[in-house]
Amino acid sequence: MLVEKGKYVRYTYVYPETGKEVKKGKESIWLKSDPGRTEHLFFIPMKDKSLVIRKAESPAGRKIWDVKKKKAVNIF
């Protein structure tokens, strides 16, 4: 059964000074349903698997670094 569909943004965490990954596999995914509901999923690497934390929150005012554009951009 389809629950929702929409857009997503996936990114990794990097150190701003070096651009290197904080920890391999540490990622976030923002989900935005067609009606506009947003969720934030945190993927935290563990020894043999990843811990996923789901949080309903607004991405308002949040920006992420776009390597191709070489600037911070809005999540959606």
PDB file of N, CA and C in Angstrom:
ATOM      1  N   MET A   1       0.843  -1.175   0.000  1.00  0.00           N
ATOM      2  CA  MET A   1       0.000   0.000   0.000  1.00  0.00           C
ATOM      3  C   MET A   1       0.888   1.238   0.000  1.00  0.00           C
ATOM      4  N   LEU A   2       0.664   2.132  -0.918  1.00  0.00           N
ATOM      5  CA  LEU A   2       1.395   3.400  -0.988  1.00  0.00           C
ATOM      6  C   LEU A   2       0.911   4.318   0.129  1.00  0.00           C
ATOM      7  N   VAL A   3       1.838   4.799   0.928  1.00  0.00           N
ATOM      8  CA  VAL A   3       1.473   5.690   2.026  1.00  0.00           C
ATOM      9  C   VAL A   3       1.610   7.143   1.588  1.00  0.00           C
ATOM     10  N   GLU A   4       2.744   7.503   1.016  1.00  0.00           N
ATOM     11  CA  GLU A   4       2.982   8.858   0.501  1.00  0.00           C
ATOM     12  C   GLU A   4       4.043   8.782  -0.578  1.00  0.00           C
ATOM     13  N   LYS A   5       4.116   9.810  -1.396  1.00  0.00           N
ATOM     14  CA  LYS A   5       5.233   9.951  -2.316  1.00  0.00           C
ATOM     15  C   LYS A   5       5.591  11.422  -2.397  1.00  0.00           C
ATOM     16  N   GLY A   6       6.783  11.687  -2.894  1.00  0.00           N
ATOM     17  CA  GLY A   6       7.232  13.069  -2.949  1.00  0.00           C
ATOM     18  C   GLY A   6       8.686  13.175  -3.366  1.00  0.00           C
ATOM     19  N   LYS A   7       9.436  14.095  -2.716  1.00  0.00           N
ATOM     20  CA  LYS A   7      10.842  14.364  -3.042  1.00  0.00           C
ATOM     21  C   LYS A   7      11.719  14.004  -1.848  1.00  0.00           C
ATOM     22  N   TYR A   8      13.005  13.872  -2.126  1.00  0.00           N
ATOM     23  CA  TYR A   8      13.946  13.672  -1.029  1.00  0.00           C
ATOM     24  C   TYR A   8      15.269  14.368  -1.332  1.00  0.00           C
ATOM     25  N   VAL A   9      16.021  14.639  -0.278  1.00  0.00           N
ATOM     26  CA  VAL A   9      17.377  15.185  -0.389  1.00  0.00           C
ATOM     27  C   VAL A   9      18.247  14.332   0.523  1.00  0.00           C
ATOM     28  N   ARG A  10      19.373  13.840   0.007  1.00  0.00           N
ATOM     29  CA  ARG A  10      20.285  12.997   0.783  1.00  0.00           C
ATOM     30  C   ARG A  10      21.644  13.680   0.832  1.00  0.00           C
ATOM     31  N   TYR A  11      22.240  13.709   2.009  1.00  0.00           N
ATOM     32  CA  TYR A  11      23.570  14.303   2.117  1.00  0.00           C
ATOM     33  C   TYR A  11      24.393  13.632   3.201  1.00  0.00           C
ATOM     34  N   THR A  12      25.704  13.825   3.116  1.00  0.00           N
ATOM     35  CA  THR A  12      26.631  13.292   4.117  1.00  0.00           C
ATOM     36  C   THR A  12      27.158  14.451   4.948  1.00  0.00           C
ATOM     37  N   TYR A  13      27.660  14.120   6.107  1.00  0.00           N
ATOM     38  CA  TYR A  13      28.236  15.131   6.993  1.00  0.00           C
ATOM     39  C   TYR A  13      29.723  15.255   6.699  1.00  0.00           C
ATOM     40  N   VAL A  14      30.188  16.497   6.524  1.00  0.00           N
ATOM     41  CA  VAL A  14      31.608  16.748   6.278  1.00  0.00           C
ATOM     42  C   VAL A  14      32.110  17.849   7.199  1.00  0.00           C
ATOM     43  N   TYR A  15      33.412  17.844   7.420  1.00  0.00           N
ATOM     44  CA  TYR A  15      34.029  18.931   8.172  1.00  0.00           C
ATOM     45  C   TYR A  15      34.122  20.145   7.247  1.00  0.00           C
ATOM     46  N   PRO A  16      33.625  21.313   7.663  1.00  0.00           N
ATOM     47  CA  PRO A  16      33.636  22.479   6.776  1.00  0.00           C
ATOM     48  C   PRO A  16      35.046  22.932   6.389  1.00  0.00           C
ATOM     49  N   GLU A  17      35.996  22.747   7.281  1.00  0.00           N
ATOM     50  CA  GLU A  17      37.362  23.212   7.001  1.00  0.00           C
ATOM     51  C   GLU A  17      38.051  22.371   5.928  1.00  0.00           C
ATOM     52  N   THR A  18      37.784  21.057   5.925  1.00  0.00           N
ATOM     53  CA  THR A  18      38.507  20.158   5.030  1.00  0.00           C
ATOM     54  C   THR A  18      37.651  19.565   3.925  1.00  0.00           C
ATOM     55  N   GLY A  19      36.335  19.509   4.132  1.00  0.00           N
ATOM     56  CA  GLY A  19      35.454  18.873   3.161  1.00  0.00           C
ATOM     57  C   GLY A  19      35.462  17.353   3.263  1.00  0.00           C
ATOM     58  N   LYS A  20      36.166  16.803   4.246  1.00  0.00           N
ATOM     59  CA  LYS A  20      36.221  15.346   4.416  1.00  0.00           C
ATOM     60  C   LYS A  20      35.044  14.870   5.257  1.00  0.00           C
ATOM     61  N   GLU A  21      34.613  13.628   4.973  1.00  0.00           N
ATOM     62  CA  GLU A  21      33.485  13.050   5.704  1.00  0.00           C
ATOM     63  C   GLU A  21      33.780  12.947   7.189  1.00  0.00           C
ATOM     64  N   VAL A  22      32.770  13.258   8.001  1.00  0.00           N
ATOM     65  CA  VAL A  22      32.893  13.140   9.451  1.00  0.00           C
ATOM     66  C   VAL A  22      33.068  11.674   9.819  1.00  0.00           C
ATOM     67  N   LYS A  23      32.197  10.825   9.297  1.00  0.00           N
ATOM     68  CA  LYS A  23      32.279   9.391   9.538  1.00  0.00           C
ATOM     69  C   LYS A  23      31.639   8.704   8.355  1.00  0.00           C
ATOM     70  N   LYS A  24      32.323   7.749   7.764  1.00  0.00           N
ATOM     71  CA  LYS A  24      31.790   7.053   6.594  1.00  0.00           C
ATOM     72  C   LYS A  24      30.430   6.444   6.930  1.00  0.00           C
ATOM     73  N   GLY A  25      29.447   6.731   6.111  1.00  0.00           N
ATOM     74  CA  GLY A  25      28.104   6.200   6.304  1.00  0.00           C
ATOM     75  C   GLY A  25      27.179   7.092   7.115  1.00  0.00           C
ATOM     76  N   LYS A  26      27.699   8.184   7.708  1.00  0.00           N
ATOM     77  CA  LYS A  26      26.842   9.090   8.475  1.00  0.00           C
ATOM     78  C   LYS A  26      26.143  10.014   7.486  1.00  0.00           C
ATOM     79  N   GLU A  27      24.840   9.867   7.378  1.00  0.00           N
ATOM     80  CA  GLU A  27      24.063  10.610   6.387  1.00  0.00           C
ATOM     81  C   GLU A  27      22.751  11.090   6.974  1.00  0.00           C
ATOM     82  N   SER A  28      22.135  11.995   6.244  1.00  0.00           N
ATOM     83  CA  SER A  28      20.776  12.440   6.542  1.00  0.00           C
ATOM     84  C   SER A  28      19.976  12.410   5.253  1.00  0.00           C
ATOM     85  N   ILE A  29      18.713  12.118   5.413  1.00  0.00           N
ATOM     86  CA  ILE A  29      17.783  12.187   4.283  1.00  0.00           C
ATOM     87  C   ILE A  29      16.590  13.010   4.734  1.00  0.00           C
ATOM     88  N   TRP A  30      16.255  14.022   3.953  1.00  0.00           N
ATOM     89  CA  TRP A  30      15.038  14.815   4.168  1.00  0.00           C
ATOM     90  C   TRP A  30      14.008  14.318   3.179  1.00  0.00           C
ATOM     91  N   LEU A  31      12.820  14.041   3.684  1.00  0.00           N
ATOM     92  CA  LEU A  31      11.702  13.610   2.850  1.00  0.00           C
ATOM     93  C   LEU A  31      10.638  14.691   2.862  1.00  0.00           C
ATOM     94  N   LYS A  32      10.072  14.949   1.688  1.00  0.00           N
ATOM     95  CA  LYS A  32       8.981  15.914   1.588  1.00  0.00           C
ATOM     96  C   LYS A  32       7.877  15.287   0.754  1.00  0.00           C
ATOM     97  N   SER A  33       6.728  15.046   1.390  1.00  0.00           N
ATOM     98  CA  SER A  33       5.615  14.426   0.685  1.00  0.00           C
ATOM     99  C   SER A  33       4.954  15.450  -0.238  1.00  0.00           C
ATOM    100  N   ASP A  34       4.200  14.954  -1.208  1.00  0.00           N
ATOM    101  CA  ASP A  34       3.512  15.861  -2.132  1.00  0.00           C
ATOM    102  C   ASP A  34       2.623  16.875  -1.408  1.00  0.00           C
ATOM    103  N   PRO A  35       1.953  16.480  -0.308  1.00  0.00           N
ATOM    104  CA  PRO A  35       1.174  17.494   0.424  1.00  0.00           C
ATOM    105  C   PRO A  35       2.043  18.487   1.213  1.00  0.00           C
ATOM    106  N   GLY A  36       3.362  18.217   1.351  1.00  0.00           N
ATOM    107  CA  GLY A  36       4.245  19.165   2.017  1.00  0.00           C
ATOM    108  C   GLY A  36       4.741  18.766   3.398  1.00  0.00           C
ATOM    109  N   ARG A  37       4.376  17.597   3.892  1.00  0.00           N
ATOM    110  CA  ARG A  37       4.864  17.127   5.195  1.00  0.00           C
ATOM    111  C   ARG A  37       6.333  16.736   5.078  1.00  0.00           C
ATOM    112  N   THR A  38       7.159  17.139   6.041  1.00  0.00           N
ATOM    113  CA  THR A  38       8.589  16.816   5.983  1.00  0.00           C
ATOM    114  C   THR A  38       8.992  15.921   7.149  1.00  0.00           C
ATOM    115  N   GLU A  39      10.003  15.100   6.890  1.00  0.00           N
ATOM    116  CA  GLU A  39      10.609  14.230   7.895  1.00  0.00           C
ATOM    117  C   GLU A  39      12.111  14.257   7.675  1.00  0.00           C
ATOM    118  N   HIS A  40      12.838  14.086   8.755  1.00  0.00           N
ATOM    119  CA  HIS A  40      14.294  14.056   8.690  1.00  0.00           C
ATOM    120  C   HIS A  40      14.751  12.708   9.226  1.00  0.00           C
ATOM    121  N   LEU A  41      15.498  11.947   8.411  1.00  0.00           N
ATOM    122  CA  LEU A  41      16.031  10.652   8.820  1.00  0.00           C
ATOM    123  C   LEU A  41      17.536  10.783   8.998  1.00  0.00           C
ATOM    124  N   PHE A  42      18.026  10.393  10.164  1.00  0.00           N
ATOM    125  CA  PHE A  42      19.464  10.389  10.448  1.00  0.00           C
ATOM    126  C   PHE A  42      19.951   8.948  10.357  1.00  0.00           C
ATOM    127  N   PHE A  43      21.005   8.702   9.595  1.00  0.00           N
ATOM    128  CA  PHE A  43      21.613   7.381   9.495  1.00  0.00           C
ATOM    129  C   PHE A  43      22.966   7.442  10.200  1.00  0.00           C
ATOM    130  N   ILE A  44      23.084   6.688  11.293  1.00  0.00           N
ATOM    131  CA  ILE A  44      24.301   6.697  12.092  1.00  0.00           C
ATOM    132  C   ILE A  44      24.925   5.305  12.002  1.00  0.00           C
ATOM    133  N   PRO A  45      26.132   5.207  11.434  1.00  0.00           N
ATOM    134  CA  PRO A  45      26.758   3.892  11.293  1.00  0.00           C
ATOM    135  C   PRO A  45      27.135   3.294  12.648  1.00  0.00           C
ATOM    136  N   MET A  46      26.838   2.010  12.788  1.00  0.00           N
ATOM    137  CA  MET A  46      27.216   1.250  13.976  1.00  0.00           C
ATOM    138  C   MET A  46      28.236   0.196  13.502  1.00  0.00           C
ATOM    139  N   LYS A  47      28.523  -0.767  14.338  1.00  0.00           N
ATOM    140  CA  LYS A  47      29.523  -1.763  13.977  1.00  0.00           C
ATOM    141  C   LYS A  47      29.144  -2.551  12.716  1.00  0.00           C
ATOM    142  N   ASP A  48      27.986  -3.211  12.725  1.00  0.00           N
ATOM    143  CA  ASP A  48      27.581  -4.036  11.587  1.00  0.00           C
ATOM    144  C   ASP A  48      26.336  -3.547  10.867  1.00  0.00           C
ATOM    145  N   LYS A  49      25.739  -2.459  11.348  1.00  0.00           N
ATOM    146  CA  LYS A  49      24.508  -1.936  10.746  1.00  0.00           C
ATOM    147  C   LYS A  49      24.411  -0.449  11.029  1.00  0.00           C
ATOM    148  N   SER A  50      23.327   0.160  10.619  1.00  0.00           N
ATOM    149  CA  SER A  50      23.123   1.586  10.873  1.00  0.00           C
ATOM    150  C   SER A  50      21.906   1.794  11.759  1.00  0.00           C
ATOM    151  N   LEU A  51      21.988   2.798  12.594  1.00  0.00           N
ATOM    152  CA  LEU A  51      20.864   3.228  13.418  1.00  0.00           C
ATOM    153  C   LEU A  51      20.162   4.340  12.647  1.00  0.00           C
ATOM    154  N   VAL A  52      18.856   4.236  12.509  1.00  0.00           N
ATOM    155  CA  VAL A  52      18.079   5.261  11.807  1.00  0.00           C
ATOM    156  C   VAL A  52      17.182   5.951  12.830  1.00  0.00           C
ATOM    157  N   ILE A  53      17.272   7.271  12.870  1.00  0.00           N
ATOM    158  CA  ILE A  53      16.430   8.063  13.760  1.00  0.00           C
ATOM    159  C   ILE A  53      15.522   8.918  12.890  1.00  0.00           C
ATOM    160  N   ARG A  54      14.238   8.843  13.129  1.00  0.00           N
ATOM    161  CA  ARG A  54      13.255   9.588  12.344  1.00  0.00           C
ATOM    162  C   ARG A  54      12.723  10.735  13.188  1.00  0.00           C
ATOM    163  N   LYS A  55      12.721  11.930  12.596  1.00  0.00           N
ATOM    164  CA  LYS A  55      12.256  13.102  13.318  1.00  0.00           C
ATOM    165  C   LYS A  55      11.410  13.960  12.377  1.00  0.00           C
ATOM    166  N   ALA A  56      10.207  14.297  12.812  1.00  0.00           N
ATOM    167  CA  ALA A  56       9.357  15.199  12.038  1.00  0.00           C
ATOM    168  C   ALA A  56       9.780  16.617  12.396  1.00  0.00           C
ATOM    169  N   GLU A  57      10.261  17.343  11.433  1.00  0.00           N
ATOM    170  CA  GLU A  57      10.688  18.716  11.687  1.00  0.00           C
ATOM    171  C   GLU A  57      10.653  19.512  10.392  1.00  0.00           C
ATOM    172  N   SER A  58      10.795  20.792  10.525  1.00  0.00           N
ATOM    173  CA  SER A  58      10.774  21.681   9.360  1.00  0.00           C
ATOM    174  C   SER A  58      12.202  22.000   8.917  1.00  0.00           C
ATOM    175  N   PRO A  59      12.445  21.966   7.603  1.00  0.00           N
ATOM    176  CA  PRO A  59      13.771  22.331   7.108  1.00  0.00           C
ATOM    177  C   PRO A  59      13.937  23.846   6.920  1.00  0.00           C
ATOM    178  N   ALA A  60      12.954  24.621   7.356  1.00  0.00           N
ATOM    179  CA  ALA A  60      13.000  26.081   7.162  1.00  0.00           C
ATOM    180  C   ALA A  60      14.302  26.652   7.721  1.00  0.00           C
ATOM    181  N   GLY A  61      14.991  27.402   6.890  1.00  0.00           N
ATOM    182  CA  GLY A  61      16.233  28.042   7.300  1.00  0.00           C
ATOM    183  C   GLY A  61      17.460  27.141   7.252  1.00  0.00           C
ATOM    184  N   ARG A  62      17.285  25.845   7.000  1.00  0.00           N
ATOM    185  CA  ARG A  62      18.420  24.925   6.936  1.00  0.00           C
ATOM    186  C   ARG A  62      19.014  24.964   5.540  1.00  0.00           C
ATOM    187  N   LYS A  63      20.304  24.914   5.476  1.00  0.00           N
ATOM    188  CA  LYS A  63      21.003  24.888   4.187  1.00  0.00           C
ATOM    189  C   LYS A  63      22.028  23.768   4.197  1.00  0.00           C
ATOM    190  N   ILE A  64      22.361  23.282   3.009  1.00  0.00           N
ATOM    191  CA  ILE A  64      23.418  22.288   2.859  1.00  0.00           C
ATOM    192  C   ILE A  64      24.371  22.753   1.770  1.00  0.00           C
ATOM    193  N   TRP A  65      25.602  22.288   1.839  1.00  0.00           N
ATOM    194  CA  TRP A  65      26.624  22.697   0.882  1.00  0.00           C
ATOM    195  C   TRP A  65      26.453  21.919  -0.409  1.00  0.00           C
ATOM    196  N   ASP A  66      26.327  22.639  -1.529  1.00  0.00           N
ATOM    197  CA  ASP A  66      26.237  22.039  -2.857  1.00  0.00           C
ATOM    198  C   ASP A  66      27.612  22.157  -3.503  1.00  0.00           C
ATOM    199  N   VAL A  67      28.283  21.023  -3.668  1.00  0.00           N
ATOM    200  CA  VAL A  67      29.639  21.013  -4.207  1.00  0.00           C
ATOM    201  C   VAL A  67      29.670  21.553  -5.633  1.00  0.00           C
ATOM    202  N   LYS A  68      28.682  21.205  -6.452  1.00  0.00           N
ATOM    203  CA  LYS A  68      28.664  21.651  -7.848  1.00  0.00           C
ATOM    204  C   LYS A  68      28.496  23.167  -7.954  1.00  0.00           C
ATOM    205  N   LYS A  69      27.614  23.737  -7.117  1.00  0.00           N
ATOM    206  CA  LYS A  69      27.382  25.186  -7.149  1.00  0.00           C
ATOM    207  C   LYS A  69      28.375  25.952  -6.292  1.00  0.00           C
ATOM    208  N   LYS A  70      29.100  25.226  -5.427  1.00  0.00           N
ATOM    209  CA  LYS A  70      30.079  25.814  -4.512  1.00  0.00           C
ATOM    210  C   LYS A  70      29.465  26.875  -3.603  1.00  0.00           C
ATOM    211  N   LYS A  71      28.278  26.539  -3.076  1.00  0.00           N
ATOM    212  CA  LYS A  71      27.617  27.430  -2.141  1.00  0.00           C
ATOM    213  C   LYS A  71      26.558  26.663  -1.356  1.00  0.00           C
ATOM    214  N   ALA A  72      26.107  27.247  -0.250  1.00  0.00           N
ATOM    215  CA  ALA A  72      25.050  26.649   0.562  1.00  0.00           C
ATOM    216  C   ALA A  72      23.700  26.912  -0.117  1.00  0.00           C
ATOM    217  N   VAL A  73      22.870  25.887  -0.167  1.00  0.00           N
ATOM    218  CA  VAL A  73      21.560  26.002  -0.811  1.00  0.00           C
ATOM    219  C   VAL A  73      20.479  25.524   0.158  1.00  0.00           C
ATOM    220  N   ASN A  74      19.247  25.983  -0.055  1.00  0.00           N
ATOM    221  CA  ASN A  74      18.115  25.510   0.742  1.00  0.00           C
ATOM    222  C   ASN A  74      17.901  24.035   0.491  1.00  0.00           C
ATOM    223  N   ILE A  75      17.417  23.336   1.496  1.00  0.00           N
ATOM    224  CA  ILE A  75      17.191  21.896   1.351  1.00  0.00           C
ATOM    225  C   ILE A  75      16.154  21.603   0.274  1.00  0.00           C
ATOM    226  N   PHE A  76      15.040  22.330   0.282  1.00  0.00           N
ATOM    227  CA  PHE A  76      14.025  22.150  -0.769  1.00  0.00           C
ATOM    228  C   PHE A  76      13.772  23.474  -1.458  1.00  0.00           C
TER     229      PHE A  76
END
